[in-house]
Amino acid sequence: MQTTPSEVQVSNKPARIDWRALLSPAVIALGALLALQLLAALVMGLRGTGLEPAGSQGSLLTFDREKVTGIRIQSSDGEPVLVTKTEGGWIIPSLRDLPAAEQKVTALLSKLAGLQKGLPVSTSEEALKRFKVAAQSFERKVTLEQGEAAPVTLYLGDSPGFRRLLVRADGDSAVFDAELGLFDVPDKADDWSDRTLLHLQPEDVQKLTVGGLTLEHKDKGWRLVDLAESEEQDEKAIDDTVRSLTNIDFVGVLNEEEKPEVDEKATAVEIEATLKSGETVRYRVSKLAEGNDYLLEVSNRPQHFTLASYAAEDLAGINRADLLTPNEESADSPSEEQQPADSPTGETVDPAAETATRPQAPVQKGDEAGSPEPKAADSAEATPVPALPEGSDTERNP
């Protein structure tokens, strides 16, 4: 069947777009749904990078850091730990009022004050138990005491990622994803202690004694007492020793009822520091009967501390020889007895080798019982030299 020219022209015309069909309600709804999906993906991406989402509704917790008088931390299966604020600073009451690490307390309060409400992960009652942020099921329960004001409580639950926790404020059913870690909220009392508590400032110390050695702080620095005229102290070794004795770090604090037994057979290390103020601080390091750690007792502290084995061994290994410079002349120069008289170069000669190479005098008959008579060829006296006639100018040949 043949087509007419007019039919060919009609079929070759480009198709027209029906814009009215594209603007129909169905197409608009699908476009709006796609836009919502893109927006949700953007919000999730912002949350994943730790940025605050656009839907932030303010602070998660409302409190004044300066008015917080205590921090109580409780795990799901342990006793609560309390850190209390006093006029002298933060202390740990359960460890005989041991001073707490100030930087740990202020860091936690800053993190809690900076938590913001974003899009909630969930708001259902069933999700509270699943995420472990319920009143009876949690990983940590942090309560900020504010004196006479009502306390502020935050529940910490599962971790959705590194340095992140699902949290819920008491009285709110919404669960949020917060930039926080369980290590920021330790539930052990001694984890709140200041590990540099026993440090002394070297400039405040007048004298140090350990292992029978005494170091005194003079105007020109630290000096070893009873230094002989022929001895010279190693300045670097002296400074390292002073640093070790004035910067003792403990690894743990024991409760009053937890003082363990020590190994009575092991020798204890005793250190004494006399301060310029006149106070004397005494340290005693003893090997524990069980384990590898050591017990550290300090005269001005009621607590008992544990010391790592490497730190205790360094203190026990301090000796006088290591604090002196070696005498190079006595160590390198041989004595006169070691230098043979016939050695002009000063080289040491082995006496046994010298005896073996030295020519031996012939043994005469009768000199030694049982020795054979010497042969005529071996004796210079057995071969007489004939006399030359007088006036002969011929040289005598032996």
Protein backbone atom coordinates (compact mmCIF):
# COMPACT_ATOMS: atom_id res chain seq x y z
CA MET A 1 0.00 0.00 0.00
CA GLN A 2 1.45 3.36 -0.99
CA THR A 3 1.40 6.49 1.18
CA THR A 4 0.60 9.91 -0.10
CA PRO A 5 3.07 12.80 0.30
CA SER A 6 0.77 14.47 2.76
CA GLU A 7 0.78 11.38 5.01
CA VAL A 8 4.61 11.27 4.96
CA GLN A 9 4.82 14.90 6.02
CA VAL A 10 2.50 14.29 8.96
CA SER A 11 4.45 11.24 10.19
CA ASN A 12 7.79 13.11 10.09
CA LYS A 13 6.68 15.94 12.42
CA PRO A 14 8.23 15.86 15.97
CA ALA A 15 5.89 14.81 18.76
CA ARG A 16 4.52 17.57 20.96
CA ILE A 17 4.94 17.50 24.81
CA ASP A 18 1.67 17.64 26.67
CA TRP A 19 2.62 19.93 29.58
CA ARG A 20 -0.85 19.69 31.02
CA ALA A 21 -0.35 15.95 31.53
CA LEU A 22 2.98 16.51 33.31
CA LEU A 23 1.36 18.94 35.74
CA SER A 24 -1.28 16.45 36.76
CA PRO A 25 -1.79 15.83 40.53
CA ALA A 26 -0.26 12.34 40.33
CA VAL A 27 2.98 13.57 38.82
CA ILE A 28 3.22 16.42 41.33
CA ALA A 29 2.75 14.00 44.23
CA LEU A 30 5.49 11.73 42.96
CA GLY A 31 7.85 14.70 42.62
CA ALA A 32 7.10 15.85 46.16
CA LEU A 33 7.79 12.33 47.48
CA LEU A 34 11.14 12.28 45.71
CA ALA A 35 12.05 15.66 47.20
CA LEU A 36 11.20 14.39 50.70
CA GLN A 37 13.40 11.35 50.19
CA LEU A 38 16.31 13.55 49.10
CA LEU A 39 15.80 15.77 52.14
CA ALA A 40 15.75 12.78 54.48
CA ALA A 41 18.97 11.48 52.95
CA LEU A 42 20.58 14.88 53.46
CA VAL A 43 19.54 14.98 57.11
CA MET A 44 20.87 11.48 57.75
CA GLY A 45 24.17 12.48 56.13
CA LEU A 46 24.47 15.50 58.40
CA ARG A 47 23.84 13.35 61.46
CA GLY A 48 26.42 10.84 60.33
CA THR A 49 29.12 13.54 60.18
CA GLY A 50 28.28 14.90 63.61
CA LEU A 51 26.83 18.18 62.31
CA GLU A 52 23.73 19.56 63.92
CA PRO A 53 20.61 18.90 61.83
CA ALA A 54 18.41 21.76 60.82
CA GLY A 55 15.59 20.48 63.04
CA SER A 56 17.48 21.12 66.33
CA GLN A 57 15.12 22.06 69.12
CA GLY A 58 17.58 23.31 71.69
CA SER A 59 19.61 21.72 74.48
CA LEU A 60 18.91 18.17 75.52
CA LEU A 61 19.64 18.95 79.19
CA THR A 62 19.02 22.20 81.02
CA PHE A 63 21.40 22.93 83.90
CA ASP A 64 23.99 25.43 85.10
CA ARG A 65 27.47 23.92 85.23
CA GLU A 66 28.52 26.26 88.04
CA LYS A 67 25.64 25.08 90.23
CA VAL A 68 26.31 21.35 89.87
CA THR A 69 27.35 20.00 93.28
CA GLY A 70 27.67 16.31 92.47
CA ILE A 71 27.82 13.77 89.66
CA ARG A 72 26.38 10.32 90.27
CA ILE A 73 27.10 7.55 87.77
CA GLN A 74 25.43 4.16 87.93
CA SER A 75 25.82 1.14 85.68
CA SER A 76 23.19 -1.54 85.22
CA ASP A 77 24.96 -4.02 87.54
CA GLY A 78 27.14 -2.00 89.91
CA GLU A 79 27.15 0.40 92.83
CA PRO A 80 26.75 4.08 91.97
CA VAL A 81 29.86 6.25 91.93
CA LEU A 82 29.65 9.76 93.37
CA VAL A 83 31.97 12.68 92.63
CA THR A 84 31.27 15.65 94.90
CA LYS A 85 32.20 19.31 94.66
CA THR A 86 33.80 20.95 97.70
CA GLU A 87 35.44 24.29 98.38
CA GLY A 88 38.82 22.73 97.63
CA GLY A 89 37.69 21.01 94.43
CA TRP A 90 36.09 17.74 93.35
CA ILE A 91 36.58 14.65 95.52
CA ILE A 92 35.63 10.96 95.54
CA PRO A 93 33.94 10.22 98.91
CA SER A 94 34.14 6.42 98.57
CA LEU A 95 37.96 6.64 98.36
CA ARG A 96 38.44 8.60 101.59
CA ASP A 97 37.82 11.92 99.84
CA LEU A 98 40.55 11.35 97.31
CA PRO A 99 40.84 14.38 94.97
CA ALA A 100 39.23 13.75 91.58
CA ALA A 101 40.73 14.71 88.24
CA GLU A 102 39.42 18.21 87.66
CA GLN A 103 39.78 17.98 83.87
CA LYS A 104 37.64 14.82 83.71
CA VAL A 105 34.79 16.49 85.60
CA THR A 106 34.82 19.70 83.58
CA ALA A 107 35.08 17.77 80.30
CA LEU A 108 31.99 15.69 81.11
CA LEU A 109 29.95 18.72 82.17
CA SER A 110 30.90 20.52 78.97
CA LYS A 111 29.83 17.54 76.83
CA LEU A 112 26.49 17.20 78.61
CA ALA A 113 25.78 20.92 78.36
CA GLY A 114 26.51 20.83 74.62
CA LEU A 115 24.09 18.02 73.76
CA GLN A 116 21.36 19.22 71.38
CA LYS A 117 17.99 17.82 70.40
CA GLY A 118 17.81 16.74 66.78
CA LEU A 119 15.46 14.42 64.96
CA PRO A 120 14.53 11.67 67.46
CA VAL A 121 15.52 8.13 66.65
CA SER A 122 12.38 6.83 68.32
CA THR A 123 9.65 7.88 70.73
CA SER A 124 7.94 4.56 71.48
CA GLU A 125 7.99 2.87 74.89
CA GLU A 126 9.11 -0.39 73.32
CA ALA A 127 12.17 1.32 71.79
CA LEU A 128 13.37 2.51 75.21
CA LYS A 129 14.10 -1.04 76.32
CA ARG A 130 15.49 -2.03 72.94
CA PHE A 131 17.94 0.87 72.93
CA LYS A 132 18.71 0.43 76.69
CA VAL A 133 17.62 3.88 77.76
CA ALA A 134 14.69 2.85 79.95
CA ALA A 135 14.43 3.69 83.65
CA GLN A 136 15.23 0.08 84.61
CA SER A 137 17.38 -0.91 81.63
CA PHE A 138 20.39 1.22 80.71
CA GLU A 139 24.14 1.19 80.16
CA ARG A 140 24.76 4.26 82.32
CA LYS A 141 22.58 6.55 84.36
CA VAL A 142 24.08 9.99 84.94
CA THR A 143 22.52 12.27 87.55
CA LEU A 144 23.65 15.85 88.03
CA GLU A 145 22.91 17.08 91.54
CA GLN A 146 22.22 20.81 91.95
CA GLY A 147 21.91 21.35 95.67
CA GLU A 148 18.34 22.21 96.58
CA ALA A 149 17.27 22.30 92.92
CA ALA A 150 15.87 19.22 91.17
CA PRO A 151 18.53 16.87 89.75
CA VAL A 152 18.98 16.33 86.03
CA THR A 153 19.19 12.72 84.79
CA LEU A 154 20.35 11.29 81.48
CA TYR A 155 20.18 7.65 80.39
CA LEU A 156 22.95 6.31 78.14
CA GLY A 157 22.21 3.28 75.96
CA ASP A 158 23.50 1.42 72.92
CA SER A 159 26.21 2.78 70.65
CA PRO A 160 25.25 3.27 66.97
CA GLY A 161 28.84 4.17 66.03
CA PHE A 162 32.25 5.27 67.22
CA ARG A 163 32.05 7.84 70.03
CA ARG A 164 28.26 7.94 69.77
CA LEU A 165 25.52 6.82 72.13
CA LEU A 166 21.74 6.70 72.10
CA VAL A 167 20.55 8.85 75.00
CA ARG A 168 17.31 9.91 76.66
CA ALA A 169 16.65 12.63 79.19
CA ASP A 170 14.54 11.69 82.19
CA GLY A 171 10.91 12.74 81.67
CA ASP A 172 11.22 12.65 77.88
CA SER A 173 10.23 9.69 75.68
CA ALA A 174 12.36 10.77 72.71
CA VAL A 175 15.63 8.93 72.03
CA PHE A 176 18.47 10.88 70.43
CA ASP A 177 21.82 10.05 68.87
CA ALA A 178 24.51 11.97 70.81
CA GLU A 179 28.24 12.49 70.39
CA LEU A 180 29.29 10.80 73.61
CA GLY A 181 31.15 7.68 74.75
CA LEU A 182 30.95 5.43 77.81
CA PHE A 183 34.61 6.21 78.48
CA ASP A 184 33.51 9.81 79.11
CA VAL A 185 31.39 8.53 82.01
CA PRO A 186 33.44 5.89 83.91
CA ASP A 187 31.56 3.84 86.49
CA LYS A 188 34.61 2.94 88.65
CA ALA A 189 35.60 5.23 91.49
CA ASP A 190 39.36 5.15 90.91
CA ASP A 191 38.84 5.99 87.23
CA TRP A 192 37.95 9.50 88.39
CA SER A 193 41.20 9.88 90.35
CA ASP A 194 44.02 12.20 89.32
CA ARG A 195 46.99 10.02 88.33
CA THR A 196 49.39 12.93 88.91
CA LEU A 197 48.22 13.42 92.49
CA LEU A 198 51.51 12.22 94.02
CA HIS A 199 53.75 14.39 91.85
CA LEU A 200 56.12 16.81 93.54
CA GLN A 201 57.60 19.95 92.06
CA PRO A 202 61.41 19.45 91.98
CA GLU A 203 61.97 23.09 92.90
CA ASP A 204 59.96 22.53 96.11
CA VAL A 205 62.11 19.59 97.22
CA GLN A 206 65.27 20.05 99.29
CA LYS A 207 66.52 16.46 99.57
CA LEU A 208 65.75 13.01 98.15
CA THR A 209 66.86 9.70 99.67
CA VAL A 210 66.53 6.24 98.12
CA GLY A 211 68.51 3.01 98.48
CA GLY A 212 71.20 4.58 100.68
CA LEU A 213 71.73 7.45 98.22
CA THR A 214 71.04 11.09 99.00
CA LEU A 215 70.52 13.88 96.48
CA GLU A 216 70.47 17.49 97.65
CA HIS A 217 69.13 20.51 95.83
CA LYS A 218 71.83 23.17 95.77
CA ASP A 219 71.91 26.61 94.16
CA LYS A 220 73.43 25.19 90.98
CA GLY A 221 71.16 22.17 90.82
CA TRP A 222 71.03 18.67 92.25
CA ARG A 223 74.18 17.13 93.71
CA LEU A 224 75.02 13.65 94.92
CA VAL A 225 76.05 13.70 98.59
CA ASP A 226 79.49 12.28 99.58
CA LEU A 227 80.93 12.74 96.10
CA ALA A 228 84.69 12.00 96.17
CA GLU A 229 87.22 14.37 94.58
CA SER A 230 88.05 11.79 91.91
CA GLU A 231 84.36 11.25 91.08
CA GLU A 232 82.17 13.28 88.76
CA GLN A 233 78.40 12.96 88.66
CA ASP A 234 76.45 12.37 85.45
CA GLU A 235 74.19 15.40 85.22
CA LYS A 236 71.69 13.76 82.88
CA ALA A 237 71.46 10.66 85.07
CA ILE A 238 70.94 12.86 88.14
CA ASP A 239 68.12 14.82 86.45
CA ASP A 240 66.44 11.61 85.25
CA THR A 241 66.59 10.16 88.77
CA VAL A 242 65.12 13.29 90.34
CA ARG A 243 62.34 13.24 87.74
CA SER A 244 61.55 9.58 88.52
CA LEU A 245 61.42 10.20 92.28
CA THR A 246 59.21 13.28 92.04
CA ASN A 247 56.79 12.05 89.35
CA ILE A 248 55.41 8.76 90.65
CA ASP A 249 52.24 7.71 88.78
CA PHE A 250 49.90 5.13 90.30
CA VAL A 251 47.64 2.84 88.27
CA GLY A 252 44.83 2.36 90.78
CA VAL A 253 43.42 3.20 94.20
CA LEU A 254 42.31 0.56 96.69
CA ASN A 255 39.29 0.81 98.94
CA GLU A 256 39.83 0.79 102.69
CA GLU A 257 38.95 -2.89 102.95
CA GLU A 258 40.95 -3.90 99.88
CA LYS A 259 44.54 -3.68 101.20
CA PRO A 260 46.12 -6.85 99.79
CA GLU A 261 48.90 -8.95 101.22
CA VAL A 262 52.48 -8.20 100.24
CA ASP A 263 55.34 -10.56 99.52
CA GLU A 264 57.35 -10.57 102.75
CA LYS A 265 60.36 -12.14 101.02
CA ALA A 266 60.73 -9.30 98.52
CA THR A 267 62.72 -6.23 99.51
CA ALA A 268 60.65 -3.06 99.78
CA VAL A 269 61.82 0.24 98.29
CA GLU A 270 61.70 3.24 100.61
CA ILE A 271 61.90 6.82 99.35
CA GLU A 272 62.06 9.97 101.43
CA ALA A 273 61.47 13.49 100.12
CA THR A 274 62.25 16.47 102.34
CA LEU A 275 60.44 19.58 101.15
CA LYS A 276 61.71 23.12 101.55
CA SER A 277 58.71 23.80 103.75
CA GLY A 278 60.09 21.31 106.28
CA GLU A 279 57.59 18.54 105.54
CA THR A 280 58.91 15.05 104.88
CA VAL A 281 56.99 12.68 102.58
CA ARG A 282 57.82 8.97 102.77
CA TYR A 283 56.99 6.36 100.14
CA ARG A 284 57.09 2.60 100.54
CA VAL A 285 56.86 0.27 97.54
CA SER A 286 56.18 -3.43 98.27
CA LYS A 287 55.65 -6.38 95.95
CA LEU A 288 52.13 -7.80 96.11
CA ALA A 289 51.80 -11.45 97.03
CA GLU A 290 49.57 -12.01 93.98
CA GLY A 291 49.94 -10.54 90.52
CA ASN A 292 52.67 -8.36 89.07
CA ASP A 293 51.73 -5.00 90.57
CA TYR A 294 53.18 -3.33 93.65
CA LEU A 295 51.61 -1.68 96.68
CA LEU A 296 52.42 2.01 97.17
CA GLU A 297 51.95 3.66 100.56
CA VAL A 298 52.46 7.39 101.08
CA SER A 299 52.85 9.02 104.48
CA ASN A 300 50.61 12.02 103.73
CA ARG A 301 47.76 10.02 102.16
CA PRO A 302 45.32 7.63 103.87
CA GLN A 303 44.71 5.71 100.65
CA HIS A 304 46.66 2.75 99.31
CA PHE A 305 47.72 2.83 95.68
CA THR A 306 48.87 0.24 93.16
CA LEU A 307 52.03 0.77 91.15
CA ALA A 308 52.92 -0.86 87.83
CA SER A 309 55.78 -3.36 87.92
CA TYR A 310 57.94 -1.42 85.45
CA ALA A 311 57.69 1.74 87.55
CA ALA A 312 58.58 -0.12 90.76
CA GLU A 313 61.53 -1.85 89.11
CA ASP A 314 62.87 1.49 87.87
CA LEU A 315 62.77 2.87 91.42
CA ALA A 316 64.45 -0.25 92.83
CA GLY A 317 67.16 -0.13 90.17
CA ILE A 318 68.60 3.25 91.19
CA ASN A 319 72.26 2.81 92.20
CA ARG A 320 75.27 5.03 92.78
CA ALA A 321 77.35 3.76 89.86
CA ASP A 322 74.73 4.87 87.33
CA LEU A 323 74.87 8.42 88.68
CA LEU A 324 78.62 8.81 88.02
CA THR A 325 80.52 9.42 84.80
CA PRO A 326 82.95 6.58 83.96
CA ASN A 327 86.68 7.14 84.63
CA GLU A 328 88.06 6.80 81.11
CA GLU A 329 91.76 6.93 82.09
CA SER A 330 91.55 4.03 84.53
CA ALA A 331 89.30 2.06 82.21
CA ASP A 332 91.32 2.48 78.98
CA SER A 333 95.01 2.83 80.04
CA PRO A 334 96.92 -0.39 80.87
CA SER A 335 99.13 -0.52 83.94
CA GLU A 336 102.95 -0.51 83.85
CA GLU A 337 103.03 -4.17 84.71
CA GLN A 338 101.05 -4.94 81.57
CA GLN A 339 103.65 -3.22 79.34
CA PRO A 340 106.83 -5.30 78.70
CA ALA A 341 110.14 -3.44 79.09
CA ASP A 342 111.41 -4.55 75.65
CA SER A 343 108.27 -3.36 73.83
CA PRO A 344 108.97 0.17 72.53
CA THR A 345 105.56 0.43 70.92
CA GLY A 346 103.75 -0.26 74.18
CA GLU A 347 101.93 -3.25 72.73
CA THR A 348 100.94 -5.95 75.17
CA VAL A 349 102.87 -9.14 74.75
CA ASP A 350 101.57 -12.46 75.92
CA PRO A 351 104.15 -13.84 78.41
CA ALA A 352 103.45 -17.41 77.34
CA ALA A 353 103.97 -16.57 73.65
CA GLU A 354 107.13 -14.65 74.48
CA THR A 355 108.58 -17.62 76.38
CA ALA A 356 107.74 -19.99 73.53
CA THR A 357 109.55 -17.86 70.92
CA ARG A 358 112.58 -16.94 73.05
CA PRO A 359 115.73 -19.11 72.23
CA GLN A 360 116.52 -21.48 75.07
CA ALA A 361 120.01 -21.96 76.50
CA PRO A 362 121.46 -25.46 75.91
CA VAL A 363 121.17 -27.81 78.82
CA GLN A 364 124.59 -28.86 80.13
CA LYS A 365 125.38 -32.28 81.33
CA GLY A 366 124.47 -32.73 84.92
CA ASP A 367 122.23 -29.71 85.01
CA GLU A 368 119.12 -31.87 85.17
CA ALA A 369 118.87 -35.45 86.31
CA GLY A 370 118.22 -37.83 83.47
CA SER A 371 118.87 -35.29 80.73
CA PRO A 372 120.86 -36.56 77.74
CA GLU A 373 124.35 -35.28 77.01
CA PRO A 374 124.47 -32.53 74.42
CA LYS A 375 125.73 -33.43 70.98
CA ALA A 376 129.01 -31.98 69.79
CA ALA A 377 127.31 -30.11 67.00
CA ASP A 378 125.04 -28.40 69.51
CA SER A 379 127.83 -27.22 71.83
CA ALA A 380 129.97 -24.25 70.92
CA GLU A 381 132.73 -25.42 73.29
CA ALA A 382 132.97 -28.91 71.68
CA THR A 383 134.29 -27.53 68.35
CA PRO A 384 137.70 -25.82 68.88
CA VAL A 385 138.83 -23.19 66.36
CA PRO A 386 142.36 -23.83 65.01
CA ALA A 387 144.89 -21.05 65.56
CA LEU A 388 146.34 -19.24 62.52
CA PRO A 389 149.96 -18.80 61.99
CA GLU A 390 151.48 -15.49 63.10
CA GLY A 391 151.50 -12.84 60.46
CA SER A 392 148.75 -14.42 58.40
CA ASP A 393 146.39 -11.80 57.04
CA THR A 394 143.77 -14.34 56.25
CA GLU A 395 140.47 -13.69 58.02
CA ARG A 396 139.38 -16.24 60.53
CA ASN A 397 136.26 -18.09 59.49
CA PRO A 398 134.22 -19.71 62.21
